[in-house]
Amino acid sequence: MGFTVFLGNLPTWVTAEDIQSWLTAEGLVADSIKVIRNHETQESKGFAFIEAPNREEMEAIIRRFDRAPLEGRLLRANPAQPPKSKGQAKQEAKTRQQQANRSKRKSEEPQSAFAQQLAKVL
């Protein structure tokens, strides 16, 4: 992904022009900015990708915007990760669901003799 920054936890009103003005105000440079939007509603999904011209500029953008406050929330800025394949994303979701189900079952089972007696009384 070259020198791309993931900028997340954005309010839905933020546009590429807003991000460009923030970068310019800080003396930072971006080759391109893409705010990710819902295809149907065109509302922002709350994150964007900023393509920096080089590693130094990418790191400067991350330092400036990671954990920066905006409207009571903290922005997140990280090096962007390559997109996952649909099969990989589905497998990860399935694994997370299985782990959640195991945790739920464990929490439903009494963990000690005392807990078992208490469960009988209640």
N, C-alpha and C. Protein backbone atom coordinates (compact mmCIF):
# COMPACT_ATOMS: atom_id res chain seq x y z
N MET A 1 0.82 -1.20 0.00
CA MET A 1 0.00 0.00 0.00
C MET A 1 0.86 1.26 0.00
N GLY A 2 2.14 1.13 -0.25
CA GLY A 2 2.98 2.32 -0.32
C GLY A 2 3.06 3.04 1.01
N PHE A 3 2.77 4.31 0.95
CA PHE A 3 2.84 5.15 2.15
C PHE A 3 1.45 5.68 2.48
N THR A 4 0.54 4.75 2.75
CA THR A 4 -0.86 5.10 3.00
C THR A 4 -1.15 5.07 4.49
N VAL A 5 -1.87 6.10 4.94
CA VAL A 5 -2.28 6.22 6.34
C VAL A 5 -3.77 5.91 6.43
N PHE A 6 -4.13 5.06 7.40
CA PHE A 6 -5.54 4.85 7.75
C PHE A 6 -5.87 5.89 8.81
N LEU A 7 -6.89 6.71 8.57
CA LEU A 7 -7.34 7.71 9.54
C LEU A 7 -8.76 7.35 9.94
N GLY A 8 -8.95 6.93 11.19
CA GLY A 8 -10.23 6.43 11.63
C GLY A 8 -10.83 7.20 12.79
N ASN A 9 -12.05 6.82 13.13
CA ASN A 9 -12.86 7.42 14.19
C ASN A 9 -13.23 8.87 13.83
N LEU A 10 -13.45 9.09 12.55
CA LEU A 10 -13.84 10.41 12.06
C LEU A 10 -15.34 10.63 12.21
N PRO A 11 -15.77 11.85 12.51
CA PRO A 11 -17.20 12.14 12.45
C PRO A 11 -17.69 11.98 11.00
N THR A 12 -18.96 11.70 10.82
CA THR A 12 -19.47 11.43 9.49
C THR A 12 -19.46 12.66 8.58
N TRP A 13 -19.36 13.85 9.14
CA TRP A 13 -19.38 15.07 8.31
C TRP A 13 -18.03 15.37 7.66
N VAL A 14 -16.96 14.70 8.06
CA VAL A 14 -15.62 15.01 7.56
C VAL A 14 -15.51 14.64 6.08
N THR A 15 -14.95 15.57 5.30
CA THR A 15 -14.74 15.36 3.87
C THR A 15 -13.25 15.32 3.57
N ALA A 16 -12.92 14.93 2.36
CA ALA A 16 -11.51 14.94 1.93
C ALA A 16 -10.96 16.37 1.98
N GLU A 17 -11.81 17.34 1.67
CA GLU A 17 -11.38 18.74 1.71
C GLU A 17 -11.04 19.17 3.15
N ASP A 18 -11.81 18.68 4.13
CA ASP A 18 -11.50 18.98 5.53
C ASP A 18 -10.13 18.43 5.89
N ILE A 19 -9.90 17.17 5.54
CA ILE A 19 -8.62 16.53 5.87
C ILE A 19 -7.48 17.27 5.18
N GLN A 20 -7.69 17.65 3.92
CA GLN A 20 -6.65 18.39 3.19
C GLN A 20 -6.33 19.71 3.89
N SER A 21 -7.35 20.39 4.37
CA SER A 21 -7.10 21.67 5.06
C SER A 21 -6.37 21.46 6.38
N TRP A 22 -6.66 20.35 7.08
CA TRP A 22 -5.94 20.04 8.32
C TRP A 22 -4.47 19.78 8.02
N LEU A 23 -4.22 19.00 6.97
CA LEU A 23 -2.84 18.69 6.59
C LEU A 23 -2.08 19.96 6.22
N THR A 24 -2.71 20.80 5.40
CA THR A 24 -2.08 22.05 4.96
C THR A 24 -1.76 22.94 6.16
N ALA A 25 -2.69 23.04 7.10
CA ALA A 25 -2.48 23.86 8.30
C ALA A 25 -1.28 23.36 9.12
N GLU A 26 -0.99 22.07 9.05
CA GLU A 26 0.13 21.48 9.79
C GLU A 26 1.40 21.40 8.96
N GLY A 27 1.34 21.88 7.72
CA GLY A 27 2.52 21.82 6.84
C GLY A 27 2.81 20.42 6.33
N LEU A 28 1.77 19.58 6.26
CA LEU A 28 1.93 18.20 5.80
C LEU A 28 1.37 18.06 4.38
N VAL A 29 1.88 17.06 3.66
CA VAL A 29 1.53 16.89 2.26
C VAL A 29 0.91 15.51 2.04
N ALA A 30 -0.13 15.48 1.20
CA ALA A 30 -0.76 14.21 0.80
C ALA A 30 -0.90 14.19 -0.71
N ASP A 31 -0.63 13.02 -1.31
CA ASP A 31 -0.83 12.87 -2.75
C ASP A 31 -2.32 12.70 -3.05
N SER A 32 -3.03 11.99 -2.17
CA SER A 32 -4.48 11.82 -2.36
C SER A 32 -5.12 11.50 -1.02
N ILE A 33 -6.42 11.79 -0.95
CA ILE A 33 -7.22 11.53 0.25
C ILE A 33 -8.52 10.91 -0.21
N LYS A 34 -8.91 9.80 0.42
CA LYS A 34 -10.18 9.15 0.07
C LYS A 34 -10.95 8.87 1.35
N VAL A 35 -12.08 9.55 1.51
CA VAL A 35 -12.99 9.28 2.62
C VAL A 35 -13.90 8.14 2.16
N ILE A 36 -13.99 7.09 2.96
CA ILE A 36 -14.78 5.92 2.59
C ILE A 36 -16.24 6.17 2.95
N ARG A 37 -17.11 5.92 1.97
CA ARG A 37 -18.54 6.21 2.13
C ARG A 37 -19.39 4.97 1.88
N ASN A 38 -20.57 4.97 2.48
CA ASN A 38 -21.57 3.94 2.23
C ASN A 38 -22.05 4.11 0.79
N HIS A 39 -22.05 3.03 0.02
CA HIS A 39 -22.41 3.11 -1.39
C HIS A 39 -23.85 3.57 -1.60
N GLU A 40 -24.75 3.20 -0.70
CA GLU A 40 -26.16 3.53 -0.87
C GLU A 40 -26.50 4.93 -0.38
N THR A 41 -26.01 5.29 0.81
CA THR A 41 -26.40 6.57 1.41
C THR A 41 -25.38 7.69 1.16
N GLN A 42 -24.18 7.32 0.74
CA GLN A 42 -23.08 8.26 0.54
C GLN A 42 -22.61 8.92 1.85
N GLU A 43 -23.08 8.41 2.99
CA GLU A 43 -22.61 8.91 4.27
C GLU A 43 -21.24 8.31 4.57
N SER A 44 -20.38 9.11 5.17
CA SER A 44 -19.05 8.63 5.52
C SER A 44 -19.14 7.47 6.50
N LYS A 45 -18.26 6.49 6.33
CA LYS A 45 -18.20 5.37 7.26
C LYS A 45 -17.30 5.68 8.46
N GLY A 46 -16.73 6.89 8.50
CA GLY A 46 -15.93 7.30 9.66
C GLY A 46 -14.45 7.00 9.53
N PHE A 47 -14.00 6.71 8.30
CA PHE A 47 -12.56 6.54 8.12
C PHE A 47 -12.15 6.95 6.72
N ALA A 48 -10.84 7.20 6.59
CA ALA A 48 -10.29 7.66 5.32
C ALA A 48 -8.90 7.09 5.13
N PHE A 49 -8.42 7.17 3.89
CA PHE A 49 -7.06 6.78 3.57
C PHE A 49 -6.34 7.98 2.98
N ILE A 50 -5.15 8.23 3.49
CA ILE A 50 -4.33 9.35 3.03
C ILE A 50 -3.07 8.77 2.42
N GLU A 51 -2.85 9.06 1.15
CA GLU A 51 -1.64 8.60 0.45
C GLU A 51 -0.57 9.68 0.60
N ALA A 52 0.52 9.34 1.29
CA ALA A 52 1.62 10.28 1.50
C ALA A 52 2.69 10.06 0.43
N PRO A 53 3.47 11.10 0.12
CA PRO A 53 4.48 10.96 -0.93
C PRO A 53 5.69 10.12 -0.54
N ASN A 54 5.94 9.97 0.78
CA ASN A 54 7.11 9.20 1.23
C ASN A 54 6.90 8.75 2.67
N ARG A 55 7.79 7.89 3.14
CA ARG A 55 7.68 7.33 4.49
C ARG A 55 7.73 8.42 5.57
N GLU A 56 8.60 9.39 5.41
CA GLU A 56 8.74 10.45 6.43
C GLU A 56 7.44 11.24 6.57
N GLU A 57 6.81 11.56 5.44
CA GLU A 57 5.55 12.31 5.49
C GLU A 57 4.45 11.45 6.11
N MET A 58 4.42 10.15 5.76
CA MET A 58 3.44 9.23 6.35
C MET A 58 3.59 9.20 7.87
N GLU A 59 4.82 9.07 8.35
CA GLU A 59 5.06 9.01 9.79
C GLU A 59 4.69 10.33 10.46
N ALA A 60 4.93 11.46 9.79
CA ALA A 60 4.56 12.77 10.36
C ALA A 60 3.04 12.90 10.46
N ILE A 61 2.32 12.42 9.46
CA ILE A 61 0.85 12.47 9.50
C ILE A 61 0.34 11.61 10.65
N ILE A 62 0.91 10.43 10.81
CA ILE A 62 0.50 9.54 11.90
C ILE A 62 0.78 10.19 13.25
N ARG A 63 1.98 10.74 13.42
CA ARG A 63 2.32 11.39 14.70
C ARG A 63 1.35 12.53 15.02
N ARG A 64 0.98 13.30 14.01
CA ARG A 64 0.12 14.46 14.25
C ARG A 64 -1.33 14.08 14.55
N PHE A 65 -1.84 13.06 13.86
CA PHE A 65 -3.27 12.78 13.97
C PHE A 65 -3.65 11.59 14.84
N ASP A 66 -2.71 10.71 15.17
CA ASP A 66 -3.07 9.59 16.03
C ASP A 66 -3.39 10.10 17.43
N ARG A 67 -4.59 9.79 17.90
CA ARG A 67 -5.09 10.18 19.21
C ARG A 67 -5.35 11.69 19.32
N ALA A 68 -5.50 12.36 18.18
CA ALA A 68 -5.86 13.78 18.20
C ALA A 68 -7.35 13.90 18.52
N PRO A 69 -7.73 14.82 19.42
CA PRO A 69 -9.15 14.96 19.78
C PRO A 69 -9.93 15.71 18.70
N LEU A 70 -11.14 15.23 18.45
CA LEU A 70 -12.05 15.90 17.53
C LEU A 70 -13.48 15.58 17.97
N GLU A 71 -14.20 16.59 18.39
CA GLU A 71 -15.60 16.44 18.82
C GLU A 71 -15.77 15.36 19.87
N GLY A 72 -14.92 15.35 20.89
CA GLY A 72 -15.06 14.41 21.99
C GLY A 72 -14.62 13.00 21.68
N ARG A 73 -13.98 12.79 20.56
CA ARG A 73 -13.46 11.46 20.20
C ARG A 73 -11.99 11.61 19.86
N LEU A 74 -11.27 10.50 19.92
CA LEU A 74 -9.86 10.50 19.56
C LEU A 74 -9.70 9.84 18.19
N LEU A 75 -9.08 10.57 17.28
CA LEU A 75 -8.82 10.02 15.96
C LEU A 75 -7.78 8.91 16.06
N ARG A 76 -7.79 8.01 15.11
CA ARG A 76 -6.79 6.94 15.03
C ARG A 76 -6.07 7.08 13.69
N ALA A 77 -4.75 7.08 13.73
CA ALA A 77 -3.96 7.13 12.51
C ALA A 77 -2.90 6.03 12.59
N ASN A 78 -2.88 5.18 11.58
CA ASN A 78 -1.95 4.05 11.53
C ASN A 78 -1.55 3.82 10.08
N PRO A 79 -0.42 3.13 9.87
CA PRO A 79 -0.13 2.70 8.49
C PRO A 79 -1.26 1.79 8.02
N ALA A 80 -1.73 2.01 6.81
CA ALA A 80 -2.83 1.20 6.28
C ALA A 80 -2.36 -0.22 6.02
N GLN A 81 -3.27 -1.16 6.22
CA GLN A 81 -3.01 -2.58 5.96
C GLN A 81 -3.65 -2.96 4.63
N PRO A 82 -3.06 -3.91 3.91
CA PRO A 82 -3.70 -4.34 2.66
C PRO A 82 -5.08 -4.93 2.95
N PRO A 83 -6.02 -4.77 2.04
CA PRO A 83 -7.36 -5.32 2.28
C PRO A 83 -7.31 -6.85 2.36
N LYS A 84 -8.19 -7.40 3.19
CA LYS A 84 -8.27 -8.86 3.34
C LYS A 84 -9.20 -9.41 2.27
N SER A 85 -8.93 -10.64 1.87
CA SER A 85 -9.83 -11.29 0.92
C SER A 85 -11.15 -11.57 1.64
N LYS A 86 -12.22 -11.73 0.89
CA LYS A 86 -13.53 -11.99 1.50
C LYS A 86 -13.51 -13.30 2.28
N GLY A 87 -12.82 -14.31 1.75
CA GLY A 87 -12.74 -15.59 2.44
C GLY A 87 -12.01 -15.47 3.77
N GLN A 88 -10.93 -14.70 3.79
CA GLN A 88 -10.16 -14.50 5.02
C GLN A 88 -10.98 -13.72 6.04
N ALA A 89 -11.69 -12.70 5.59
CA ALA A 89 -12.52 -11.91 6.51
C ALA A 89 -13.64 -12.77 7.10
N LYS A 90 -14.27 -13.62 6.27
CA LYS A 90 -15.34 -14.49 6.77
C LYS A 90 -14.79 -15.48 7.80
N GLN A 91 -13.61 -16.03 7.53
CA GLN A 91 -13.01 -16.99 8.45
C GLN A 91 -12.69 -16.32 9.79
N GLU A 92 -12.16 -15.10 9.76
CA GLU A 92 -11.87 -14.38 11.00
C GLU A 92 -13.14 -14.08 11.77
N ALA A 93 -14.21 -13.72 11.09
CA ALA A 93 -15.49 -13.46 11.76
C ALA A 93 -16.02 -14.73 12.39
N LYS A 94 -15.90 -15.85 11.70
CA LYS A 94 -16.36 -17.14 12.23
C LYS A 94 -15.56 -17.51 13.47
N THR A 95 -14.25 -17.30 13.44
CA THR A 95 -13.39 -17.61 14.60
C THR A 95 -13.77 -16.73 15.79
N ARG A 96 -14.01 -15.44 15.55
CA ARG A 96 -14.41 -14.54 16.64
C ARG A 96 -15.74 -14.98 17.25
N GLN A 97 -16.68 -15.41 16.41
CA GLN A 97 -17.99 -15.86 16.89
C GLN A 97 -17.84 -17.12 17.74
N GLN A 98 -16.99 -18.05 17.29
CA GLN A 98 -16.76 -19.28 18.05
C GLN A 98 -16.14 -18.96 19.41
N GLN A 99 -15.19 -18.03 19.43
CA GLN A 99 -14.57 -17.65 20.70
C GLN A 99 -15.59 -17.00 21.63
N ALA A 100 -16.46 -16.17 21.09
CA ALA A 100 -17.50 -15.53 21.90
C ALA A 100 -18.45 -16.58 22.46
N ASN A 101 -18.81 -17.57 21.66
CA ASN A 101 -19.71 -18.64 22.13
C ASN A 101 -19.06 -19.43 23.25
N ARG A 102 -17.76 -19.73 23.11
CA ARG A 102 -17.06 -20.47 24.18
C ARG A 102 -17.03 -19.66 25.47
N SER A 103 -16.75 -18.37 25.35
CA SER A 103 -16.71 -17.51 26.54
C SER A 103 -18.07 -17.45 27.21
N LYS A 104 -19.12 -17.40 26.41
CA LYS A 104 -20.48 -17.33 26.95
C LYS A 104 -20.80 -18.62 27.71
N ARG A 105 -20.45 -19.75 27.12
CA ARG A 105 -20.71 -21.03 27.80
C ARG A 105 -19.94 -21.12 29.10
N LYS A 106 -18.70 -20.67 29.09
CA LYS A 106 -17.89 -20.72 30.31
C LYS A 106 -18.49 -19.85 31.40
N SER A 107 -18.99 -18.68 31.00
CA SER A 107 -19.54 -17.79 32.02
C SER A 107 -20.85 -18.33 32.58
N GLU A 108 -21.54 -19.18 31.82
CA GLU A 108 -22.81 -19.75 32.29
C GLU A 108 -22.58 -20.91 33.24
N GLU A 109 -21.41 -21.55 33.16
CA GLU A 109 -21.12 -22.70 34.01
C GLU A 109 -20.50 -22.23 35.33
N PRO A 110 -20.96 -22.76 36.48
CA PRO A 110 -20.32 -22.41 37.74
C PRO A 110 -18.85 -22.85 37.72
N GLN A 111 -17.99 -22.04 38.32
CA GLN A 111 -16.56 -22.29 38.26
C GLN A 111 -16.01 -23.03 39.48
N SER A 112 -16.75 -23.09 40.57
CA SER A 112 -16.24 -23.74 41.78
C SER A 112 -17.40 -24.43 42.51
N ALA A 113 -17.04 -25.24 43.51
CA ALA A 113 -18.06 -25.91 44.31
C ALA A 113 -18.95 -24.87 45.00
N PHE A 114 -18.35 -23.82 45.51
CA PHE A 114 -19.10 -22.75 46.14
C PHE A 114 -20.10 -22.14 45.17
N ALA A 115 -19.63 -21.85 43.92
CA ALA A 115 -20.49 -21.27 42.91
C ALA A 115 -21.63 -22.21 42.55
N GLN A 116 -21.34 -23.53 42.53
CA GLN A 116 -22.39 -24.50 42.22
C GLN A 116 -23.45 -24.50 43.32
N GLN A 117 -23.03 -24.48 44.59
CA GLN A 117 -23.99 -24.44 45.68
C GLN A 117 -24.81 -23.15 45.66
N LEU A 118 -24.13 -22.06 45.38
CA LEU A 118 -24.81 -20.77 45.32
C LEU A 118 -25.84 -20.77 44.18
N ALA A 119 -25.48 -21.36 43.06
CA ALA A 119 -26.39 -21.42 41.91
C ALA A 119 -27.63 -22.24 42.27
N LYS A 120 -27.48 -23.30 43.06
CA LYS A 120 -28.63 -24.14 43.47
C LYS A 120 -29.56 -23.34 44.37
N VAL A 121 -29.01 -22.55 45.25
CA VAL A 121 -29.82 -21.77 46.19
C VAL A 121 -30.57 -20.65 45.46
N LEU A 122 -29.91 -20.03 44.55
CA LEU A 122 -30.53 -18.92 43.83
C LEU A 122 -31.45 -19.47 42.79
